[in-house]
Amino acid sequence: MIRLVFDFEAKRFFTIKNFIIFLTFFILLAALSWEGISNYKTILESKEPFQGIEQAKVRQFLQYTQYGARGVRLLFIPSPLSIIFNDLEVYGGLTANVDSAEGLYIYNSFKGKDLFSGSGGYMDFSGIMSSKTRSALTR
């Protein structure tokens, strides 16, 4: 009995129409992710020059107090999952300075709707989400 129901539902689900819909969605997903993959590779390539510059700066430190005073910069490398949200306004050049000072310096505000202010529209999934966020915030 269960096998008959399963066979009936499988025949109903695996139709040409559903195949075309899934294929279209897959092609759209692949196209949107392709740019995200190239941006992610660019970020990974920028890691080595950044590390070289920081190593050259650290070699000049003679005492540990210089580490505390000047600090060490760290580069944010996003997760590979970020390829579907390839908006580099958030990830581009995001660095942290680790030192012993008690200061907090925020150069760009990404609070609320400003997170999506430089978004490129509907060219990735964050653009689709940002339009919904903007419409919800303006109500």
N, C-alpha and C. Protein backbone atom coordinates (compact mmCIF):
# COMPACT_ATOMS: atom_id res chain seq x y z
N MET A 1 0.82 -1.20 0.00
CA MET A 1 0.00 0.00 0.00
C MET A 1 0.86 1.26 0.00
N ILE A 2 1.87 1.28 0.89
CA ILE A 2 2.74 2.45 0.95
C ILE A 2 3.52 2.60 -0.35
N ARG A 3 3.93 1.48 -0.91
CA ARG A 3 4.68 1.51 -2.17
C ARG A 3 3.83 2.10 -3.29
N LEU A 4 2.56 1.79 -3.33
CA LEU A 4 1.67 2.33 -4.35
C LEU A 4 1.53 3.85 -4.20
N VAL A 5 1.38 4.29 -2.97
CA VAL A 5 1.27 5.73 -2.72
C VAL A 5 2.57 6.43 -3.10
N PHE A 6 3.70 5.83 -2.73
CA PHE A 6 5.00 6.42 -3.06
C PHE A 6 5.19 6.49 -4.57
N ASP A 7 4.87 5.44 -5.30
CA ASP A 7 4.99 5.44 -6.76
C ASP A 7 4.08 6.49 -7.39
N PHE A 8 2.87 6.61 -6.90
CA PHE A 8 1.94 7.60 -7.42
C PHE A 8 2.47 9.02 -7.21
N GLU A 9 2.95 9.30 -6.01
CA GLU A 9 3.46 10.64 -5.71
C GLU A 9 4.75 10.93 -6.47
N ALA A 10 5.60 9.92 -6.66
CA ALA A 10 6.83 10.11 -7.42
C ALA A 10 6.52 10.44 -8.87
N LYS A 11 5.56 9.77 -9.47
CA LYS A 11 5.18 10.07 -10.85
C LYS A 11 4.60 11.47 -10.96
N ARG A 12 3.86 11.86 -9.96
CA ARG A 12 3.28 13.20 -9.97
C ARG A 12 4.32 14.29 -9.76
N PHE A 13 5.35 14.00 -8.96
CA PHE A 13 6.36 15.02 -8.66
C PHE A 13 7.39 15.16 -9.78
N PHE A 14 7.87 14.05 -10.32
CA PHE A 14 8.92 14.08 -11.33
C PHE A 14 8.31 14.24 -12.72
N THR A 15 7.91 15.47 -13.01
CA THR A 15 7.34 15.81 -14.31
C THR A 15 8.29 16.75 -15.04
N ILE A 16 8.05 16.96 -16.30
CA ILE A 16 8.87 17.87 -17.11
C ILE A 16 8.78 19.29 -16.57
N LYS A 17 7.60 19.71 -16.16
CA LYS A 17 7.40 21.06 -15.64
C LYS A 17 8.26 21.29 -14.40
N ASN A 18 8.23 20.37 -13.45
CA ASN A 18 9.04 20.51 -12.24
C ASN A 18 10.53 20.45 -12.56
N PHE A 19 10.92 19.62 -13.51
CA PHE A 19 12.31 19.54 -13.91
C PHE A 19 12.80 20.87 -14.47
N ILE A 20 11.99 21.51 -15.30
CA ILE A 20 12.36 22.81 -15.88
C ILE A 20 12.45 23.87 -14.80
N ILE A 21 11.56 23.86 -13.84
CA ILE A 21 11.59 24.83 -12.74
C ILE A 21 12.86 24.65 -11.91
N PHE A 22 13.18 23.40 -11.55
CA PHE A 22 14.39 23.16 -10.76
C PHE A 22 15.65 23.48 -11.55
N LEU A 23 15.68 23.20 -12.84
CA LEU A 23 16.84 23.51 -13.67
C LEU A 23 17.04 25.01 -13.79
N THR A 24 15.95 25.77 -13.96
CA THR A 24 16.03 27.23 -14.02
C THR A 24 16.54 27.80 -12.71
N PHE A 25 16.03 27.29 -11.60
CA PHE A 25 16.49 27.75 -10.30
C PHE A 25 17.97 27.43 -10.09
N PHE A 26 18.40 26.25 -10.49
CA PHE A 26 19.80 25.86 -10.34
C PHE A 26 20.71 26.74 -11.19
N ILE A 27 20.32 27.06 -12.42
CA ILE A 27 21.13 27.93 -13.28
C ILE A 27 21.21 29.33 -12.69
N LEU A 28 20.11 29.84 -12.16
CA LEU A 28 20.11 31.16 -11.52
C LEU A 28 21.02 31.16 -10.29
N LEU A 29 20.94 30.13 -9.49
CA LEU A 29 21.80 30.02 -8.31
C LEU A 29 23.27 29.95 -8.71
N ALA A 30 23.59 29.19 -9.73
CA ALA A 30 24.98 29.08 -10.20
C ALA A 30 25.49 30.41 -10.73
N ALA A 31 24.66 31.14 -11.47
CA ALA A 31 25.08 32.43 -12.02
C ALA A 31 25.32 33.45 -10.91
N LEU A 32 24.44 33.49 -9.92
CA LEU A 32 24.62 34.43 -8.83
C LEU A 32 25.82 34.07 -7.96
N SER A 33 26.09 32.80 -7.83
CA SER A 33 27.21 32.36 -6.99
C SER A 33 28.56 32.51 -7.67
N TRP A 34 28.58 32.55 -9.00
CA TRP A 34 29.85 32.63 -9.73
C TRP A 34 30.60 33.91 -9.36
N GLU A 35 29.91 35.03 -9.30
CA GLU A 35 30.56 36.28 -8.93
C GLU A 35 31.03 36.23 -7.48
N GLY A 36 30.25 35.61 -6.62
CA GLY A 36 30.65 35.47 -5.23
C GLY A 36 31.91 34.64 -5.07
N ILE A 37 32.04 33.60 -5.89
CA ILE A 37 33.25 32.77 -5.83
C ILE A 37 34.47 33.57 -6.25
N SER A 38 34.35 34.36 -7.31
CA SER A 38 35.50 35.16 -7.75
C SER A 38 35.86 36.23 -6.72
N ASN A 39 34.86 36.84 -6.07
CA ASN A 39 35.15 37.82 -5.02
C ASN A 39 35.82 37.16 -3.82
N TYR A 40 35.38 35.96 -3.47
CA TYR A 40 35.98 35.24 -2.35
C TYR A 40 37.44 34.89 -2.66
N LYS A 41 37.72 34.48 -3.88
CA LYS A 41 39.10 34.19 -4.26
C LYS A 41 39.96 35.45 -4.21
N THR A 42 39.40 36.60 -4.57
CA THR A 42 40.14 37.86 -4.49
C THR A 42 40.49 38.18 -3.04
N ILE A 43 39.56 37.96 -2.13
CA ILE A 43 39.83 38.20 -0.71
C ILE A 43 40.93 37.26 -0.21
N LEU A 44 40.88 36.00 -0.63
CA LEU A 44 41.92 35.05 -0.21
C LEU A 44 43.29 35.43 -0.78
N GLU A 45 43.32 35.97 -2.00
CA GLU A 45 44.58 36.41 -2.58
C GLU A 45 45.15 37.63 -1.87
N SER A 46 44.30 38.46 -1.30
CA SER A 46 44.78 39.66 -0.59
C SER A 46 45.34 39.31 0.78
N LYS A 47 45.16 38.06 1.22
CA LYS A 47 45.64 37.65 2.54
C LYS A 47 47.17 37.63 2.60
N GLU A 48 47.82 37.11 1.58
CA GLU A 48 49.28 36.99 1.61
C GLU A 48 50.00 38.34 1.63
N PRO A 49 49.64 39.32 0.77
CA PRO A 49 50.30 40.64 0.89
C PRO A 49 50.06 41.30 2.24
N PHE A 50 48.85 41.13 2.78
CA PHE A 50 48.54 41.71 4.09
C PHE A 50 49.43 41.10 5.16
N GLN A 51 49.59 39.77 5.13
CA GLN A 51 50.44 39.11 6.12
C GLN A 51 51.89 39.54 5.96
N GLY A 52 52.35 39.72 4.73
CA GLY A 52 53.73 40.16 4.50
C GLY A 52 53.98 41.54 5.08
N ILE A 53 53.05 42.45 4.90
CA ILE A 53 53.20 43.81 5.45
C ILE A 53 53.20 43.78 6.97
N GLU A 54 52.30 43.01 7.53
CA GLU A 54 52.23 42.92 9.00
C GLU A 54 53.48 42.26 9.58
N GLN A 55 54.01 41.24 8.91
CA GLN A 55 55.24 40.60 9.40
C GLN A 55 56.41 41.57 9.34
N ALA A 56 56.47 42.40 8.29
CA ALA A 56 57.54 43.39 8.20
C ALA A 56 57.43 44.42 9.32
N LYS A 57 56.20 44.82 9.67
CA LYS A 57 56.02 45.78 10.76
C LYS A 57 56.40 45.15 12.10
N VAL A 58 56.02 43.89 12.31
CA VAL A 58 56.26 43.23 13.59
C VAL A 58 57.76 42.98 13.79
N ARG A 59 58.49 42.73 12.71
CA ARG A 59 59.94 42.52 12.84
C ARG A 59 60.65 43.76 13.38
N GLN A 60 60.05 44.92 13.22
CA GLN A 60 60.65 46.16 13.72
C GLN A 60 60.42 46.35 15.21
N PHE A 61 59.49 45.62 15.80
CA PHE A 61 59.23 45.74 17.23
C PHE A 61 60.37 45.10 18.00
N LEU A 62 60.95 45.85 18.92
CA LEU A 62 62.05 45.32 19.73
C LEU A 62 61.58 44.89 21.12
N GLN A 63 60.51 45.48 21.61
CA GLN A 63 60.01 45.18 22.95
C GLN A 63 58.51 44.85 22.88
N TYR A 64 58.06 44.17 23.91
CA TYR A 64 56.64 43.81 23.95
C TYR A 64 55.75 45.04 24.17
N THR A 65 56.29 46.09 24.74
CA THR A 65 55.48 47.31 24.92
C THR A 65 55.09 47.92 23.58
N GLN A 66 55.90 47.69 22.56
CA GLN A 66 55.54 48.20 21.24
C GLN A 66 54.34 47.44 20.67
N TYR A 67 54.23 46.17 20.98
CA TYR A 67 53.03 45.42 20.59
C TYR A 67 51.79 46.04 21.23
N GLY A 68 51.91 46.38 22.50
CA GLY A 68 50.77 46.96 23.22
C GLY A 68 50.42 48.34 22.73
N ALA A 69 51.44 49.13 22.38
CA ALA A 69 51.18 50.50 21.95
C ALA A 69 50.65 50.57 20.52
N ARG A 70 51.31 49.89 19.62
CA ARG A 70 50.92 49.96 18.20
C ARG A 70 49.92 48.89 17.80
N GLY A 71 50.01 47.76 18.45
CA GLY A 71 49.07 46.68 18.15
C GLY A 71 49.43 45.91 16.89
N VAL A 72 48.63 44.95 16.60
CA VAL A 72 48.79 44.10 15.42
C VAL A 72 47.46 44.09 14.69
N ARG A 73 47.50 44.27 13.40
CA ARG A 73 46.27 44.27 12.61
C ARG A 73 45.93 42.85 12.17
N LEU A 74 44.63 42.56 12.13
CA LEU A 74 44.12 41.27 11.67
C LEU A 74 43.15 41.50 10.53
N LEU A 75 43.23 40.66 9.52
CA LEU A 75 42.35 40.77 8.36
C LEU A 75 41.19 39.79 8.51
N PHE A 76 39.99 40.27 8.28
CA PHE A 76 38.81 39.40 8.35
C PHE A 76 38.67 38.62 7.06
N ILE A 77 38.69 37.30 7.17
CA ILE A 77 38.45 36.42 6.03
C ILE A 77 37.07 35.79 6.24
N PRO A 78 36.11 36.11 5.36
CA PRO A 78 34.77 35.56 5.56
C PRO A 78 34.72 34.06 5.31
N SER A 79 33.67 33.45 5.75
CA SER A 79 33.49 32.02 5.55
C SER A 79 33.19 31.73 4.07
N PRO A 80 33.48 30.53 3.61
CA PRO A 80 33.15 30.20 2.22
C PRO A 80 31.65 30.30 1.91
N LEU A 81 30.83 30.26 2.93
CA LEU A 81 29.38 30.40 2.72
C LEU A 81 29.01 31.81 2.26
N SER A 82 29.93 32.77 2.41
CA SER A 82 29.65 34.14 2.02
C SER A 82 29.57 34.32 0.52
N ILE A 83 29.83 33.29 -0.27
CA ILE A 83 29.76 33.46 -1.71
C ILE A 83 28.34 33.72 -2.20
N ILE A 84 27.34 33.30 -1.44
CA ILE A 84 25.98 33.60 -1.89
C ILE A 84 25.55 35.01 -1.48
N PHE A 85 26.29 35.63 -0.57
CA PHE A 85 26.08 37.04 -0.22
C PHE A 85 27.35 37.77 -0.58
N ASN A 86 27.56 38.04 -1.85
CA ASN A 86 28.84 38.53 -2.32
C ASN A 86 28.95 40.05 -2.31
N ASP A 87 28.23 40.71 -1.47
CA ASP A 87 28.28 42.17 -1.37
C ASP A 87 29.54 42.56 -0.61
N LEU A 88 30.54 43.10 -1.30
CA LEU A 88 31.82 43.41 -0.67
C LEU A 88 31.80 44.69 0.15
N GLU A 89 30.68 45.38 0.22
CA GLU A 89 30.59 46.53 1.11
C GLU A 89 30.83 46.12 2.56
N VAL A 90 30.44 44.93 2.91
CA VAL A 90 30.59 44.45 4.27
C VAL A 90 31.97 43.84 4.48
N TYR A 91 32.42 43.02 3.53
CA TYR A 91 33.64 42.25 3.74
C TYR A 91 34.90 42.93 3.23
N GLY A 92 34.81 43.86 2.34
CA GLY A 92 35.99 44.43 1.71
C GLY A 92 36.90 45.18 2.67
N GLY A 93 38.08 44.68 2.90
CA GLY A 93 39.08 45.38 3.71
C GLY A 93 38.73 45.51 5.17
N LEU A 94 37.96 44.62 5.71
CA LEU A 94 37.58 44.67 7.11
C LEU A 94 38.75 44.18 7.95
N THR A 95 39.32 45.06 8.75
CA THR A 95 40.48 44.72 9.57
C THR A 95 40.22 45.08 11.02
N ALA A 96 40.99 44.46 11.91
CA ALA A 96 40.91 44.77 13.33
C ALA A 96 42.32 45.08 13.82
N ASN A 97 42.42 46.01 14.74
CA ASN A 97 43.70 46.35 15.34
C ASN A 97 43.66 45.88 16.79
N VAL A 98 44.52 44.92 17.12
CA VAL A 98 44.56 44.35 18.46
C VAL A 98 45.71 45.01 19.21
N ASP A 99 45.37 45.75 20.25
CA ASP A 99 46.39 46.38 21.09
C ASP A 99 45.87 46.44 22.52
N SER A 100 46.64 47.08 23.39
CA SER A 100 46.23 47.14 24.79
C SER A 100 45.48 48.43 25.13
N ALA A 101 45.19 49.24 24.15
CA ALA A 101 44.46 50.49 24.39
C ALA A 101 42.99 50.18 24.63
N GLU A 102 42.30 51.12 25.24
CA GLU A 102 40.88 50.94 25.53
C GLU A 102 40.02 51.77 24.59
N GLY A 103 40.39 51.81 23.35
CA GLY A 103 39.63 52.59 22.38
C GLY A 103 38.89 51.70 21.41
N LEU A 104 37.77 52.20 20.93
CA LEU A 104 37.00 51.50 19.92
C LEU A 104 36.80 52.45 18.76
N TYR A 105 37.32 52.09 17.62
CA TYR A 105 37.24 52.96 16.45
C TYR A 105 36.41 52.26 15.39
N ILE A 106 35.26 52.84 15.09
CA ILE A 106 34.39 52.31 14.06
C ILE A 106 34.39 53.31 12.92
N TYR A 107 34.91 52.89 11.78
CA TYR A 107 35.03 53.80 10.65
C TYR A 107 33.78 53.80 9.78
N ASN A 108 33.14 52.69 9.64
CA ASN A 108 31.92 52.58 8.83
C ASN A 108 30.80 52.04 9.69
N SER A 109 29.65 52.68 9.58
CA SER A 109 28.50 52.20 10.32
C SER A 109 27.72 51.23 9.46
N PHE A 110 27.57 49.99 9.95
CA PHE A 110 26.77 48.99 9.25
C PHE A 110 25.58 48.61 10.11
N LYS A 111 25.02 49.60 10.80
CA LYS A 111 23.90 49.34 11.70
C LYS A 111 22.59 49.51 10.94
N GLY A 112 21.69 48.55 11.12
CA GLY A 112 20.35 48.63 10.52
C GLY A 112 20.38 48.57 9.02
N LYS A 113 19.66 49.50 8.38
CA LYS A 113 19.57 49.47 6.92
C LYS A 113 20.84 49.95 6.24
N ASP A 114 21.81 50.54 6.97
CA ASP A 114 23.08 50.96 6.37
C ASP A 114 23.93 49.78 5.95
N LEU A 115 23.63 48.60 6.45
CA LEU A 115 24.37 47.39 6.04
C LEU A 115 24.20 47.15 4.55
N PHE A 116 23.04 47.48 4.00
CA PHE A 116 22.75 47.22 2.60
C PHE A 116 22.77 48.51 1.78
N SER A 117 23.37 49.60 2.28
CA SER A 117 23.30 50.87 1.58
C SER A 117 24.07 50.84 0.26
N GLY A 118 25.17 50.13 0.18
CA GLY A 118 25.95 50.08 -1.05
C GLY A 118 25.68 48.85 -1.86
N SER A 119 24.58 48.19 -1.60
CA SER A 119 24.27 46.94 -2.27
C SER A 119 23.99 47.19 -3.74
N GLY A 120 24.35 46.23 -4.56
CA GLY A 120 24.20 46.38 -6.01
C GLY A 120 22.85 45.98 -6.53
N GLY A 121 21.82 46.01 -5.74
CA GLY A 121 20.49 45.68 -6.22
C GLY A 121 20.21 44.20 -6.09
N TYR A 122 19.69 43.61 -7.16
CA TYR A 122 19.28 42.21 -7.11
C TYR A 122 20.34 41.27 -7.68
N MET A 123 21.61 41.65 -7.68
CA MET A 123 22.64 40.83 -8.30
C MET A 123 23.13 39.70 -7.41
N ASP A 124 22.66 39.61 -6.19
CA ASP A 124 22.97 38.48 -5.33
C ASP A 124 21.83 38.31 -4.33
N PHE A 125 21.96 37.34 -3.44
CA PHE A 125 20.89 37.07 -2.49
C PHE A 125 20.75 38.18 -1.46
N SER A 126 21.84 38.89 -1.14
CA SER A 126 21.71 39.99 -0.19
C SER A 126 20.92 41.14 -0.79
N GLY A 127 20.99 41.32 -2.10
CA GLY A 127 20.18 42.34 -2.75
C GLY A 127 18.70 42.04 -2.66
N ILE A 128 18.36 40.78 -2.80
CA ILE A 128 16.96 40.37 -2.68
C ILE A 128 16.49 40.57 -1.25
N MET A 129 17.33 40.17 -0.29
CA MET A 129 16.96 40.33 1.12
C MET A 129 16.92 41.80 1.52
N SER A 130 17.82 42.64 0.96
CA SER A 130 17.85 44.04 1.36
C SER A 130 16.62 44.78 0.89
N SER A 131 16.07 44.41 -0.26
CA SER A 131 14.86 45.10 -0.71
C SER A 131 13.70 44.80 0.23
N LYS A 132 13.65 43.58 0.76
CA LYS A 132 12.60 43.25 1.72
C LYS A 132 12.85 43.96 3.05
N THR A 133 14.13 44.08 3.43
CA THR A 133 14.46 44.77 4.67
C THR A 133 14.13 46.24 4.58
N ARG A 134 14.50 46.87 3.44
CA ARG A 134 14.20 48.29 3.25
C ARG A 134 12.70 48.55 3.28
N SER A 135 11.94 47.69 2.62
CA SER A 135 10.49 47.91 2.61
C SER A 135 9.89 47.70 3.99
N ALA A 136 10.45 46.79 4.78
CA ALA A 136 9.94 46.56 6.13
C ALA A 136 10.32 47.72 7.07
N LEU A 137 11.51 48.31 6.85
CA LEU A 137 11.95 49.40 7.72
C LEU A 137 11.25 50.72 7.39
N THR A 138 10.79 50.90 6.16
CA THR A 138 10.15 52.15 5.79
C THR A 138 8.66 52.18 6.10
N ARG A 139 8.11 51.09 6.54
CA ARG A 139 6.67 51.07 6.88
C ARG A 139 6.39 51.77 8.17
